[in-house]
Amino acid sequence: MSKVHDNWYLASYPHDDSVLPKEIKEQIANKQKILVLVDLTCEHPRQVTSCSYYINVPSWDGHAPSLEDMKRAMFVFNTIRHKEGDDKIIVLVHCAFGKGRSTMFLCALMVECGLFPTWLEAFEHVKKHRSIAHLGYEFRSQLDHWKEFNKK
């Protein structure tokens, strides 16, 4: 699990709550923060139970989620942000290996939240904190399509 920005994490499949960093567990236990778990898998069951919100964007390993699924997940995420406040949430995005699908969605999400102006800048930042993060052609293409699709 890698902290890629303040309260933003990128991870492989979290088998249970024990894999959460101590600082996250403490902030949740003390009710200082809430955990928003964004799951990009369709092949693994949900295991982390300490999250306040769970968003599933089902996609198979090596494949990007549909633009429609991304839009729905962004809508849900933005609803949570507006309800809870950006300063109250911890964002954990994962796929099976924390490398492709989750990196792609995290980059789109960081742009959506105004943390970076482009997905490429978001990706360059993520790579500094998680060296295994990778965006193959399909993921890069989907991010380019997302930029246009999201304007609608």
N, C-alpha and C. Protein backbone atom coordinates (compact mmCIF):
# COMPACT_ATOMS: atom_id res chain seq x y z
N MET A 1 0.86 -1.17 0.00
CA MET A 1 0.00 0.00 0.00
C MET A 1 0.90 1.23 0.00
N SER A 2 0.59 2.16 -0.91
CA SER A 2 1.42 3.36 -1.04
C SER A 2 0.59 4.61 -0.84
N LYS A 3 1.12 5.51 -0.03
CA LYS A 3 0.49 6.82 0.14
C LYS A 3 0.98 7.67 -1.03
N VAL A 4 0.05 8.10 -1.88
CA VAL A 4 0.45 8.84 -3.08
C VAL A 4 0.15 10.34 -2.99
N HIS A 5 -0.61 10.72 -1.99
CA HIS A 5 -0.95 12.13 -1.75
C HIS A 5 -1.54 12.19 -0.34
N ASP A 6 -1.75 13.37 0.18
CA ASP A 6 -2.34 13.46 1.52
C ASP A 6 -3.67 12.71 1.56
N ASN A 7 -3.76 11.70 2.38
CA ASN A 7 -4.98 10.89 2.56
C ASN A 7 -5.42 10.15 1.30
N TRP A 8 -4.53 9.93 0.36
CA TRP A 8 -4.83 9.18 -0.87
C TRP A 8 -3.85 8.00 -0.95
N TYR A 9 -4.41 6.79 -1.11
CA TYR A 9 -3.60 5.58 -1.13
C TYR A 9 -3.93 4.74 -2.35
N LEU A 10 -2.92 4.03 -2.83
CA LEU A 10 -3.04 3.09 -3.95
C LEU A 10 -2.53 1.75 -3.46
N ALA A 11 -3.29 0.69 -3.71
CA ALA A 11 -2.92 -0.60 -3.12
C ALA A 11 -3.30 -1.77 -4.00
N SER A 12 -2.70 -2.90 -3.67
CA SER A 12 -3.14 -4.17 -4.22
C SER A 12 -4.35 -4.63 -3.39
N TYR A 13 -4.91 -5.75 -3.76
CA TYR A 13 -6.10 -6.27 -3.09
C TYR A 13 -5.87 -6.36 -1.58
N PRO A 14 -6.64 -5.62 -0.78
CA PRO A 14 -6.49 -5.69 0.68
C PRO A 14 -7.25 -6.90 1.23
N HIS A 15 -6.53 -7.90 1.68
CA HIS A 15 -7.16 -9.15 2.14
C HIS A 15 -8.03 -8.97 3.38
N ASP A 16 -7.70 -7.98 4.20
CA ASP A 16 -8.53 -7.68 5.37
C ASP A 16 -8.05 -6.36 5.98
N ASP A 17 -8.68 -5.95 7.05
CA ASP A 17 -8.34 -4.67 7.68
C ASP A 17 -6.92 -4.61 8.23
N SER A 18 -6.31 -5.76 8.47
CA SER A 18 -4.96 -5.76 9.06
C SER A 18 -3.92 -5.13 8.14
N VAL A 19 -4.19 -5.04 6.85
CA VAL A 19 -3.22 -4.46 5.92
C VAL A 19 -3.25 -2.94 5.90
N LEU A 20 -4.26 -2.36 6.54
CA LEU A 20 -4.34 -0.90 6.59
C LEU A 20 -3.23 -0.34 7.47
N PRO A 21 -2.58 0.74 7.03
CA PRO A 21 -1.54 1.35 7.87
C PRO A 21 -2.10 1.80 9.21
N LYS A 22 -1.25 1.77 10.21
CA LYS A 22 -1.65 2.12 11.58
C LYS A 22 -2.30 3.50 11.65
N GLU A 23 -1.74 4.47 10.91
CA GLU A 23 -2.29 5.83 10.95
C GLU A 23 -3.74 5.88 10.46
N ILE A 24 -4.07 5.07 9.46
CA ILE A 24 -5.44 5.02 8.97
C ILE A 24 -6.35 4.40 10.02
N LYS A 25 -5.91 3.29 10.59
CA LYS A 25 -6.72 2.62 11.62
C LYS A 25 -7.00 3.56 12.79
N GLU A 26 -5.99 4.30 13.21
CA GLU A 26 -6.16 5.21 14.35
C GLU A 26 -7.12 6.35 14.02
N GLN A 27 -6.99 6.92 12.83
CA GLN A 27 -7.86 8.02 12.44
C GLN A 27 -9.31 7.56 12.32
N ILE A 28 -9.52 6.35 11.85
CA ILE A 28 -10.88 5.81 11.75
C ILE A 28 -11.42 5.52 13.15
N ALA A 29 -10.60 4.88 13.97
CA ALA A 29 -11.04 4.53 15.34
C ALA A 29 -11.39 5.78 16.15
N ASN A 30 -10.61 6.84 15.96
CA ASN A 30 -10.85 8.09 16.69
C ASN A 30 -11.90 8.97 16.03
N LYS A 31 -12.49 8.46 14.95
CA LYS A 31 -13.53 9.18 14.19
C LYS A 31 -13.04 10.53 13.66
N GLN A 32 -11.73 10.62 13.41
CA GLN A 32 -11.17 11.82 12.81
C GLN A 32 -11.38 11.80 11.30
N LYS A 33 -11.36 10.61 10.73
CA LYS A 33 -11.47 10.44 9.28
C LYS A 33 -12.39 9.26 8.99
N ILE A 34 -12.87 9.22 7.75
CA ILE A 34 -13.61 8.05 7.28
C ILE A 34 -12.90 7.49 6.06
N LEU A 35 -13.03 6.21 5.84
CA LEU A 35 -12.36 5.55 4.72
C LEU A 35 -13.34 5.34 3.58
N VAL A 36 -12.93 5.80 2.39
CA VAL A 36 -13.67 5.54 1.17
C VAL A 36 -12.84 4.54 0.37
N LEU A 37 -13.36 3.34 0.21
CA LEU A 37 -12.65 2.27 -0.51
C LEU A 37 -13.20 2.18 -1.92
N VAL A 38 -12.32 2.33 -2.91
CA VAL A 38 -12.71 2.21 -4.31
C VAL A 38 -12.05 0.94 -4.85
N ASP A 39 -12.89 -0.02 -5.21
CA ASP A 39 -12.46 -1.36 -5.62
C ASP A 39 -12.65 -1.51 -7.12
N LEU A 40 -11.54 -1.73 -7.83
CA LEU A 40 -11.59 -1.89 -9.29
C LEU A 40 -11.62 -3.34 -9.72
N THR A 41 -11.87 -4.25 -8.81
CA THR A 41 -11.88 -5.67 -9.17
C THR A 41 -13.30 -6.19 -9.32
N CYS A 42 -13.39 -7.27 -10.08
CA CYS A 42 -14.65 -8.03 -10.12
C CYS A 42 -14.35 -9.48 -9.77
N GLU A 43 -13.07 -9.78 -9.54
CA GLU A 43 -12.66 -11.15 -9.27
C GLU A 43 -12.38 -11.43 -7.80
N HIS A 44 -12.46 -10.40 -6.95
CA HIS A 44 -12.19 -10.58 -5.52
C HIS A 44 -13.36 -10.10 -4.68
N PRO A 45 -13.64 -10.78 -3.59
CA PRO A 45 -14.71 -10.30 -2.70
C PRO A 45 -14.22 -9.14 -1.84
N ARG A 46 -15.15 -8.34 -1.39
CA ARG A 46 -14.81 -7.23 -0.48
C ARG A 46 -14.39 -7.83 0.85
N GLN A 47 -13.24 -7.38 1.38
CA GLN A 47 -12.73 -7.91 2.64
C GLN A 47 -12.54 -6.83 3.71
N VAL A 48 -12.23 -5.61 3.30
CA VAL A 48 -12.01 -4.54 4.27
C VAL A 48 -13.38 -4.09 4.78
N THR A 49 -13.57 -4.17 6.08
CA THR A 49 -14.88 -3.85 6.65
C THR A 49 -14.91 -2.52 7.37
N SER A 50 -13.75 -1.90 7.56
CA SER A 50 -13.72 -0.65 8.32
C SER A 50 -13.97 0.59 7.46
N CYS A 51 -14.33 0.39 6.20
CA CYS A 51 -14.61 1.54 5.36
C CYS A 51 -16.03 2.04 5.60
N SER A 52 -16.19 3.35 5.54
CA SER A 52 -17.51 3.95 5.68
C SER A 52 -18.27 3.88 4.36
N TYR A 53 -17.52 3.95 3.26
CA TYR A 53 -18.12 3.90 1.93
C TYR A 53 -17.33 2.93 1.06
N TYR A 54 -18.04 2.16 0.27
CA TYR A 54 -17.44 1.18 -0.64
C TYR A 54 -17.98 1.45 -2.04
N ILE A 55 -17.08 1.71 -2.97
CA ILE A 55 -17.47 1.95 -4.36
C ILE A 55 -16.80 0.88 -5.21
N ASN A 56 -17.61 0.08 -5.89
CA ASN A 56 -17.06 -0.95 -6.77
C ASN A 56 -17.20 -0.51 -8.22
N VAL A 57 -16.08 -0.56 -8.93
CA VAL A 57 -16.03 -0.25 -10.36
C VAL A 57 -15.51 -1.53 -11.01
N PRO A 58 -16.40 -2.50 -11.27
CA PRO A 58 -15.95 -3.82 -11.67
C PRO A 58 -15.28 -3.85 -13.05
N SER A 59 -14.07 -4.38 -13.07
CA SER A 59 -13.35 -4.57 -14.33
C SER A 59 -12.35 -5.71 -14.15
N TRP A 60 -12.15 -6.43 -15.23
CA TRP A 60 -11.21 -7.56 -15.19
C TRP A 60 -9.78 -7.08 -15.25
N ASP A 61 -8.88 -7.87 -14.72
CA ASP A 61 -7.46 -7.57 -14.72
C ASP A 61 -7.00 -7.27 -16.15
N GLY A 62 -6.29 -6.18 -16.31
CA GLY A 62 -5.77 -5.80 -17.62
C GLY A 62 -6.74 -5.01 -18.49
N HIS A 63 -7.96 -4.78 -17.98
CA HIS A 63 -8.97 -4.07 -18.77
C HIS A 63 -9.50 -2.87 -18.00
N ALA A 64 -9.71 -1.80 -18.73
CA ALA A 64 -10.24 -0.58 -18.12
C ALA A 64 -11.74 -0.71 -17.90
N PRO A 65 -12.25 -0.10 -16.85
CA PRO A 65 -13.71 -0.08 -16.67
C PRO A 65 -14.34 0.77 -17.77
N SER A 66 -15.61 0.58 -17.99
CA SER A 66 -16.31 1.37 -19.02
C SER A 66 -16.37 2.83 -18.58
N LEU A 67 -16.53 3.70 -19.56
CA LEU A 67 -16.66 5.13 -19.26
C LEU A 67 -17.90 5.39 -18.41
N GLU A 68 -18.96 4.65 -18.68
CA GLU A 68 -20.19 4.80 -17.91
C GLU A 68 -19.99 4.40 -16.46
N ASP A 69 -19.27 3.29 -16.23
CA ASP A 69 -18.98 2.86 -14.86
C ASP A 69 -18.11 3.88 -14.14
N MET A 70 -17.15 4.44 -14.87
CA MET A 70 -16.29 5.47 -14.27
C MET A 70 -17.12 6.69 -13.88
N LYS A 71 -18.02 7.09 -14.77
CA LYS A 71 -18.85 8.27 -14.49
C LYS A 71 -19.74 8.04 -13.26
N ARG A 72 -20.33 6.83 -13.17
CA ARG A 72 -21.17 6.51 -12.00
C ARG A 72 -20.34 6.56 -10.71
N ALA A 73 -19.15 5.97 -10.76
CA ALA A 73 -18.29 5.95 -9.57
C ALA A 73 -17.85 7.37 -9.18
N MET A 74 -17.54 8.19 -10.17
CA MET A 74 -17.16 9.58 -9.89
C MET A 74 -18.32 10.34 -9.25
N PHE A 75 -19.53 10.09 -9.74
CA PHE A 75 -20.71 10.74 -9.17
C PHE A 75 -20.87 10.36 -7.70
N VAL A 76 -20.75 9.06 -7.41
CA VAL A 76 -20.87 8.59 -6.03
C VAL A 76 -19.77 9.20 -5.18
N PHE A 77 -18.54 9.18 -5.69
CA PHE A 77 -17.42 9.73 -4.94
C PHE A 77 -17.63 11.23 -4.65
N ASN A 78 -18.06 11.98 -5.65
CA ASN A 78 -18.30 13.41 -5.45
C ASN A 78 -19.43 13.67 -4.46
N THR A 79 -20.43 12.82 -4.46
CA THR A 79 -21.52 12.94 -3.49
C THR A 79 -20.97 12.75 -2.08
N ILE A 80 -20.10 11.77 -1.91
CA ILE A 80 -19.47 11.52 -0.61
C ILE A 80 -18.61 12.72 -0.20
N ARG A 81 -17.82 13.22 -1.13
CA ARG A 81 -16.96 14.39 -0.84
C ARG A 81 -17.77 15.57 -0.35
N HIS A 82 -18.87 15.84 -1.03
CA HIS A 82 -19.68 17.00 -0.66
C HIS A 82 -20.40 16.78 0.67
N LYS A 83 -20.77 15.54 0.95
CA LYS A 83 -21.45 15.24 2.21
C LYS A 83 -20.49 15.28 3.39
N GLU A 84 -19.33 14.66 3.23
CA GLU A 84 -18.38 14.48 4.34
C GLU A 84 -17.32 15.58 4.43
N GLY A 85 -16.94 16.14 3.28
CA GLY A 85 -15.85 17.13 3.25
C GLY A 85 -14.53 16.47 2.92
N ASP A 86 -13.76 17.09 2.04
CA ASP A 86 -12.48 16.53 1.60
C ASP A 86 -11.52 16.27 2.75
N ASP A 87 -11.57 17.11 3.78
CA ASP A 87 -10.63 16.98 4.89
C ASP A 87 -10.97 15.81 5.81
N LYS A 88 -12.14 15.20 5.64
CA LYS A 88 -12.57 14.09 6.51
C LYS A 88 -12.35 12.71 5.89
N ILE A 89 -11.98 12.65 4.61
CA ILE A 89 -11.93 11.33 3.98
C ILE A 89 -10.51 10.87 3.67
N ILE A 90 -10.36 9.58 3.77
CA ILE A 90 -9.15 8.89 3.32
C ILE A 90 -9.60 8.07 2.12
N VAL A 91 -8.88 8.19 1.03
CA VAL A 91 -9.24 7.49 -0.21
C VAL A 91 -8.27 6.34 -0.42
N LEU A 92 -8.81 5.14 -0.56
CA LEU A 92 -8.00 3.96 -0.87
C LEU A 92 -8.54 3.33 -2.14
N VAL A 93 -7.74 3.37 -3.20
CA VAL A 93 -8.12 2.78 -4.48
C VAL A 93 -7.28 1.52 -4.67
N HIS A 94 -7.95 0.43 -5.03
CA HIS A 94 -7.19 -0.82 -5.23
C HIS A 94 -7.73 -1.62 -6.40
N CYS A 95 -6.85 -2.46 -6.92
CA CYS A 95 -7.24 -3.52 -7.86
C CYS A 95 -6.50 -4.76 -7.35
N ALA A 96 -6.29 -5.75 -8.17
CA ALA A 96 -5.65 -6.97 -7.69
C ALA A 96 -4.19 -6.74 -7.28
N PHE A 97 -3.46 -5.97 -8.09
CA PHE A 97 -2.04 -5.78 -7.83
C PHE A 97 -1.65 -4.33 -7.54
N GLY A 98 -2.60 -3.41 -7.63
CA GLY A 98 -2.31 -2.00 -7.37
C GLY A 98 -1.38 -1.40 -8.39
N LYS A 99 -1.59 -1.79 -9.64
CA LYS A 99 -0.65 -1.44 -10.67
C LYS A 99 -1.30 -0.75 -11.88
N GLY A 100 -2.34 -1.32 -12.45
CA GLY A 100 -2.93 -0.81 -13.69
C GLY A 100 -4.30 -0.19 -13.54
N ARG A 101 -5.32 -1.04 -13.32
CA ARG A 101 -6.69 -0.53 -13.22
C ARG A 101 -6.82 0.54 -12.14
N SER A 102 -6.26 0.25 -10.98
CA SER A 102 -6.38 1.21 -9.86
C SER A 102 -5.62 2.49 -10.15
N THR A 103 -4.46 2.39 -10.78
CA THR A 103 -3.68 3.57 -11.13
C THR A 103 -4.46 4.44 -12.11
N MET A 104 -5.08 3.80 -13.11
CA MET A 104 -5.85 4.54 -14.10
C MET A 104 -6.99 5.31 -13.44
N PHE A 105 -7.75 4.61 -12.59
CA PHE A 105 -8.90 5.26 -11.96
C PHE A 105 -8.45 6.33 -10.98
N LEU A 106 -7.40 6.05 -10.23
CA LEU A 106 -6.88 7.04 -9.27
C LEU A 106 -6.46 8.32 -9.99
N CYS A 107 -5.80 8.20 -11.13
CA CYS A 107 -5.38 9.39 -11.89
C CYS A 107 -6.60 10.19 -12.34
N ALA A 108 -7.63 9.51 -12.84
CA ALA A 108 -8.85 10.21 -13.25
C ALA A 108 -9.51 10.89 -12.05
N LEU A 109 -9.53 10.19 -10.93
CA LEU A 109 -10.15 10.72 -9.72
C LEU A 109 -9.39 11.95 -9.19
N MET A 110 -8.08 11.91 -9.25
CA MET A 110 -7.28 13.04 -8.76
C MET A 110 -7.49 14.27 -9.64
N VAL A 111 -7.66 14.05 -10.94
CA VAL A 111 -7.97 15.17 -11.84
C VAL A 111 -9.37 15.69 -11.53
N GLU A 112 -10.32 14.78 -11.37
CA GLU A 112 -11.70 15.14 -11.05
C GLU A 112 -11.78 15.99 -9.79
N CYS A 113 -10.93 15.71 -8.83
CA CYS A 113 -10.93 16.43 -7.55
C CYS A 113 -10.08 17.70 -7.58
N GLY A 114 -9.46 17.97 -8.73
CA GLY A 114 -8.67 19.20 -8.86
C GLY A 114 -7.28 19.12 -8.29
N LEU A 115 -6.80 17.92 -7.99
CA LEU A 115 -5.45 17.79 -7.44
C LEU A 115 -4.37 17.95 -8.52
N PHE A 116 -4.72 17.59 -9.76
CA PHE A 116 -3.81 17.71 -10.89
C PHE A 116 -4.61 18.15 -12.11
N PRO A 117 -3.99 18.93 -13.01
CA PRO A 117 -4.73 19.39 -14.18
C PRO A 117 -4.92 18.31 -15.26
N THR A 118 -4.00 17.35 -15.33
CA THR A 118 -4.11 16.30 -16.35
C THR A 118 -3.82 14.94 -15.73
N TRP A 119 -4.31 13.90 -16.41
CA TRP A 119 -4.05 12.55 -15.91
C TRP A 119 -2.56 12.22 -16.00
N LEU A 120 -1.88 12.77 -16.99
CA LEU A 120 -0.45 12.50 -17.14
C LEU A 120 0.34 13.07 -15.96
N GLU A 121 -0.02 14.26 -15.52
CA GLU A 121 0.65 14.85 -14.36
C GLU A 121 0.32 14.05 -13.09
N ALA A 122 -0.92 13.61 -12.99
CA ALA A 122 -1.30 12.77 -11.85
C ALA A 122 -0.49 11.48 -11.87
N PHE A 123 -0.36 10.87 -13.04
CA PHE A 123 0.38 9.61 -13.17
C PHE A 123 1.86 9.80 -12.80
N GLU A 124 2.46 10.87 -13.27
CA GLU A 124 3.87 11.13 -12.94
C GLU A 124 4.05 11.26 -11.43
N HIS A 125 3.10 11.90 -10.78
CA HIS A 125 3.15 12.03 -9.32
C HIS A 125 2.99 10.67 -8.64
N VAL A 126 2.02 9.89 -9.10
CA VAL A 126 1.78 8.56 -8.51
C VAL A 126 3.02 7.68 -8.65
N LYS A 127 3.66 7.71 -9.82
CA LYS A 127 4.86 6.88 -10.07
C LYS A 127 5.98 7.19 -9.07
N LYS A 128 6.05 8.42 -8.60
CA LYS A 128 7.08 8.79 -7.62
C LYS A 128 6.85 8.09 -6.29
N HIS A 129 5.61 7.72 -6.02
CA HIS A 129 5.25 7.12 -4.74
C HIS A 129 4.96 5.62 -4.83
N ARG A 130 4.70 5.14 -6.05
CA ARG A 130 4.43 3.70 -6.24
C ARG A 130 5.09 3.29 -7.56
N SER A 131 6.30 2.79 -7.46
CA SER A 131 7.11 2.52 -8.66
C SER A 131 6.48 1.47 -9.57
N ILE A 132 5.65 0.57 -9.04
CA ILE A 132 5.06 -0.46 -9.90
C ILE A 132 3.82 0.04 -10.67
N ALA A 133 3.37 1.26 -10.37
CA ALA A 133 2.22 1.81 -11.09
C ALA A 133 2.54 1.85 -12.58
N HIS A 134 1.58 1.42 -13.38
CA HIS A 134 1.81 1.30 -14.83
C HIS A 134 0.50 1.56 -15.57
N LEU A 135 0.62 2.29 -16.66
CA LEU A 135 -0.54 2.52 -17.52
C LEU A 135 -0.21 2.03 -18.92
N GLY A 136 -0.76 0.88 -19.28
CA GLY A 136 -0.59 0.36 -20.63
C GLY A 136 -1.45 1.15 -21.61
N TYR A 137 -1.40 0.75 -22.86
CA TYR A 137 -2.11 1.46 -23.92
C TYR A 137 -3.61 1.59 -23.64
N GLU A 138 -4.26 0.49 -23.24
CA GLU A 138 -5.71 0.54 -23.00
C GLU A 138 -6.07 1.55 -21.91
N PHE A 139 -5.27 1.58 -20.85
CA PHE A 139 -5.55 2.50 -19.76
C PHE A 139 -5.31 3.96 -20.16
N ARG A 140 -4.22 4.20 -20.89
CA ARG A 140 -3.93 5.56 -21.37
C ARG A 140 -5.02 6.03 -22.33
N SER A 141 -5.42 5.14 -23.21
CA SER A 141 -6.48 5.46 -24.16
C SER A 141 -7.79 5.77 -23.43
N GLN A 142 -8.11 4.97 -22.40
CA GLN A 142 -9.34 5.19 -21.64
C GLN A 142 -9.29 6.54 -20.92
N LEU A 143 -8.13 6.92 -20.41
CA LEU A 143 -8.00 8.22 -19.75
C LEU A 143 -8.19 9.36 -20.76
N ASP A 144 -7.68 9.20 -21.97
CA ASP A 144 -7.92 10.21 -23.01
C ASP A 144 -9.40 10.28 -23.36
N HIS A 145 -10.04 9.12 -23.49
CA HIS A 145 -11.48 9.09 -23.77
C HIS A 145 -12.27 9.68 -22.60
N TRP A 146 -11.83 9.40 -21.37
CA TRP A 146 -12.52 9.91 -20.18
C TRP A 146 -12.54 11.44 -20.19
N LYS A 147 -11.43 12.02 -20.59
CA LYS A 147 -11.33 13.48 -20.63
C LYS A 147 -12.44 14.05 -21.53
N GLU A 148 -12.64 13.44 -22.69
CA GLU A 148 -13.68 13.90 -23.61
C GLU A 148 -15.07 13.54 -23.13
N PHE A 149 -15.23 12.33 -22.66
CA PHE A 149 -16.51 11.82 -22.18
C PHE A 149 -17.01 12.64 -20.99
N ASN A 150 -16.11 13.02 -20.13
CA ASN A 150 -16.45 13.74 -18.91
C ASN A 150 -16.91 15.18 -19.19
N LYS A 151 -16.60 15.70 -20.38
CA LYS A 151 -17.02 17.06 -20.73
C LYS A 151 -18.53 17.11 -20.99
N LYS A 152 -19.11 15.96 -21.33
CA LYS A 152 -20.53 15.91 -21.69
C LYS A 152 -21.41 16.15 -20.51
